[in-house]
Amino acid sequence: MAKYNVSVAETTESTVTLKIGFGEPAGNDEIVKDAEKAIEAVSQQVMGKTCLLNGPASLPVAFVLAHALLHICPAVAVFDPKLGHYVVAVSHSADYRTGDLL
């Protein structure tokens, strides 16, 4: 079983929602390797779309995901259950600014 999972939950013309989460228990030194492999596995489905992340991630995993996604996506937003919205965390697009709620 994987130590970290990434799967495409929903796709629209301009966005892709990724369900992310922990798998088999392990330390971050191992989990980040699985996170990198998992995001690479869905990269073709994500490329060019605004990416919406939904699920838990440790800080090291968040960096791995952000680094990979920002090479292929115009913006990345993360679901905040307290707000009930996705919060744009990083953007290279004129359509989104950091802090925008989606």
C-alpha atoms as a PDB file:
ATOM      1  CA  MET A   1       0.000   0.000   0.000  1.00  0.00           C
ATOM      2  CA  ALA A   2       1.163   3.533  -0.742  1.00  0.00           C
ATOM      3  CA  LYS A   3       2.243   5.869   2.017  1.00  0.00           C
ATOM      4  CA  TYR A   4       0.535   8.813   0.289  1.00  0.00           C
ATOM      5  CA  ASN A   5      -2.300   8.887  -2.215  1.00  0.00           C
ATOM      6  CA  VAL A   6      -3.329  11.360  -4.903  1.00  0.00           C
ATOM      7  CA  SER A   7      -6.300  10.746  -7.182  1.00  0.00           C
ATOM      8  CA  VAL A   8      -8.393  12.795  -9.568  1.00  0.00           C
ATOM      9  CA  ALA A   9     -11.792  13.327  -7.959  1.00  0.00           C
ATOM     10  CA  GLU A  10     -13.361  15.730 -10.472  1.00  0.00           C
ATOM     11  CA  THR A  11     -12.384  17.535 -13.662  1.00  0.00           C
ATOM     12  CA  THR A  12     -13.936  20.517 -15.430  1.00  0.00           C
ATOM     13  CA  GLU A  13     -12.735  22.468 -18.442  1.00  0.00           C
ATOM     14  CA  SER A  14     -10.550  24.717 -16.287  1.00  0.00           C
ATOM     15  CA  THR A  15     -10.070  22.904 -12.949  1.00  0.00           C
ATOM     16  CA  VAL A  16      -9.117  19.540 -11.560  1.00  0.00           C
ATOM     17  CA  THR A  17      -9.866  18.459  -8.008  1.00  0.00           C
ATOM     18  CA  LEU A  18      -7.375  16.081  -6.424  1.00  0.00           C
ATOM     19  CA  LYS A  19      -8.244  13.956  -3.412  1.00  0.00           C
ATOM     20  CA  ILE A  20      -5.091  13.622  -1.347  1.00  0.00           C
ATOM     21  CA  GLY A  21      -4.314  11.696   1.822  1.00  0.00           C
ATOM     22  CA  PHE A  22      -2.102   9.456   3.857  1.00  0.00           C
ATOM     23  CA  GLY A  23      -1.892   5.732   3.306  1.00  0.00           C
ATOM     24  CA  GLU A  24       0.271   3.237   5.142  1.00  0.00           C
ATOM     25  CA  PRO A  25       1.901   4.729   8.274  1.00  0.00           C
ATOM     26  CA  ALA A  26       5.444   5.998   7.688  1.00  0.00           C
ATOM     27  CA  GLY A  27       7.742   8.916   8.387  1.00  0.00           C
ATOM     28  CA  ASN A  28       7.800  12.015   6.207  1.00  0.00           C
ATOM     29  CA  ASP A  29      11.131  10.905   4.726  1.00  0.00           C
ATOM     30  CA  GLU A  30       9.232   8.048   3.047  1.00  0.00           C
ATOM     31  CA  ILE A  31       5.875   9.758   2.587  1.00  0.00           C
ATOM     32  CA  VAL A  32       7.325  12.579   0.451  1.00  0.00           C
ATOM     33  CA  LYS A  33       8.713  10.020  -2.009  1.00  0.00           C
ATOM     34  CA  ASP A  34       5.277   8.447  -2.446  1.00  0.00           C
ATOM     35  CA  ALA A  35       3.657  11.880  -2.732  1.00  0.00           C
ATOM     36  CA  GLU A  36       6.053  12.774  -5.542  1.00  0.00           C
ATOM     37  CA  LYS A  37       5.304   9.528  -7.400  1.00  0.00           C
ATOM     38  CA  ALA A  38       1.563   9.956  -6.872  1.00  0.00           C
ATOM     39  CA  ILE A  39       1.477  13.507  -8.236  1.00  0.00           C
ATOM     40  CA  GLU A  40       3.576  12.467 -11.233  1.00  0.00           C
ATOM     41  CA  ALA A  41       1.041   9.717 -11.971  1.00  0.00           C
ATOM     42  CA  VAL A  42      -1.781  12.259 -12.399  1.00  0.00           C
ATOM     43  CA  SER A  43       0.265  15.067 -13.967  1.00  0.00           C
ATOM     44  CA  GLN A  44      -1.142  14.608 -17.486  1.00  0.00           C
ATOM     45  CA  GLN A  45      -4.699  14.996 -16.175  1.00  0.00           C
ATOM     46  CA  VAL A  46      -3.742  18.098 -14.184  1.00  0.00           C
ATOM     47  CA  MET A  47      -1.591  19.933 -16.720  1.00  0.00           C
ATOM     48  CA  GLY A  48      -2.809  23.423 -17.620  1.00  0.00           C
ATOM     49  CA  LYS A  49      -5.727  23.415 -15.169  1.00  0.00           C
ATOM     50  CA  THR A  50      -6.209  25.182 -11.869  1.00  0.00           C
ATOM     51  CA  CYS A  51      -5.627  22.500  -9.254  1.00  0.00           C
ATOM     52  CA  LEU A  52      -7.871  22.136  -6.211  1.00  0.00           C
ATOM     53  CA  LEU A  53      -6.432  19.995  -3.395  1.00  0.00           C
ATOM     54  CA  ASN A  54      -8.718  18.346  -0.868  1.00  0.00           C
ATOM     55  CA  GLY A  55      -7.395  16.232   1.990  1.00  0.00           C
ATOM     56  CA  PRO A  56      -4.676  16.078   4.615  1.00  0.00           C
ATOM     57  CA  ALA A  57      -0.987  16.736   4.005  1.00  0.00           C
ATOM     58  CA  SER A  58       2.006  17.251   6.235  1.00  0.00           C
ATOM     59  CA  LEU A  59       4.112  20.339   5.629  1.00  0.00           C
ATOM     60  CA  PRO A  60       6.836  18.384   3.748  1.00  0.00           C
ATOM     61  CA  VAL A  61       4.164  16.749   1.552  1.00  0.00           C
ATOM     62  CA  ALA A  62       2.548  20.126   0.871  1.00  0.00           C
ATOM     63  CA  PHE A  63       5.886  21.411  -0.431  1.00  0.00           C
ATOM     64  CA  VAL A  64       6.332  18.388  -2.708  1.00  0.00           C
ATOM     65  CA  LEU A  65       2.826  18.794  -4.120  1.00  0.00           C
ATOM     66  CA  ALA A  66       3.135  22.562  -4.580  1.00  0.00           C
ATOM     67  CA  HIS A  67       6.500  22.274  -6.282  1.00  0.00           C
ATOM     68  CA  ALA A  68       5.276  19.662  -8.757  1.00  0.00           C
ATOM     69  CA  LEU A  69       1.959  21.365  -9.464  1.00  0.00           C
ATOM     70  CA  LEU A  70       3.325  24.867  -9.966  1.00  0.00           C
ATOM     71  CA  HIS A  71       5.382  23.642 -12.902  1.00  0.00           C
ATOM     72  CA  ILE A  72       2.231  22.511 -14.728  1.00  0.00           C
ATOM     73  CA  CYS A  73      -0.736  24.466 -13.278  1.00  0.00           C
ATOM     74  CA  PRO A  74      -1.570  28.186 -13.394  1.00  0.00           C
ATOM     75  CA  ALA A  75      -2.842  28.151  -9.790  1.00  0.00           C
ATOM     76  CA  VAL A  76      -3.195  25.828  -6.798  1.00  0.00           C
ATOM     77  CA  ALA A  77      -5.939  26.142  -4.191  1.00  0.00           C
ATOM     78  CA  VAL A  78      -6.388  24.111  -1.004  1.00  0.00           C
ATOM     79  CA  PHE A  79      -9.691  23.254   0.664  1.00  0.00           C
ATOM     80  CA  ASP A  80     -10.232  24.889   4.048  1.00  0.00           C
ATOM     81  CA  PRO A  81     -13.051  23.100   5.894  1.00  0.00           C
ATOM     82  CA  LYS A  82     -13.465  26.014   8.323  1.00  0.00           C
ATOM     83  CA  LEU A  83     -14.228  28.353   5.413  1.00  0.00           C
ATOM     84  CA  GLY A  84     -15.991  25.743   3.301  1.00  0.00           C
ATOM     85  CA  HIS A  85     -14.038  26.977   0.256  1.00  0.00           C
ATOM     86  CA  TYR A  86     -10.805  26.421  -1.588  1.00  0.00           C
ATOM     87  CA  VAL A  87      -8.185  29.089  -0.831  1.00  0.00           C
ATOM     88  CA  VAL A  88      -5.782  30.012  -3.618  1.00  0.00           C
ATOM     89  CA  ALA A  89      -2.383  29.334  -2.089  1.00  0.00           C
ATOM     90  CA  VAL A  90      -0.214  30.104  -5.116  1.00  0.00           C
ATOM     91  CA  SER A  91      -0.949  31.587  -8.521  1.00  0.00           C
ATOM     92  CA  HIS A  92       0.912  32.380 -11.721  1.00  0.00           C
ATOM     93  CA  SER A  93      -2.372  33.397 -13.357  1.00  0.00           C
ATOM     94  CA  ALA A  94      -3.982  36.800 -13.759  1.00  0.00           C
ATOM     95  CA  ASP A  95      -7.311  35.050 -13.093  1.00  0.00           C
ATOM     96  CA  TYR A  96      -6.478  34.224  -9.465  1.00  0.00           C
ATOM     97  CA  ARG A  97      -4.743  36.007  -6.616  1.00  0.00           C
ATOM     98  CA  THR A  98      -3.353  34.472  -3.442  1.00  0.00           C
ATOM     99  CA  GLY A  99      -6.139  34.358  -0.883  1.00  0.00           C
ATOM    100  CA  ASP A 100      -9.003  34.208  -3.400  1.00  0.00           C
ATOM    101  CA  LEU A 101     -11.804  31.887  -2.296  1.00  0.00           C
ATOM    102  CA  LEU A 102     -13.133  29.438  -4.857  1.00  0.00           C
END
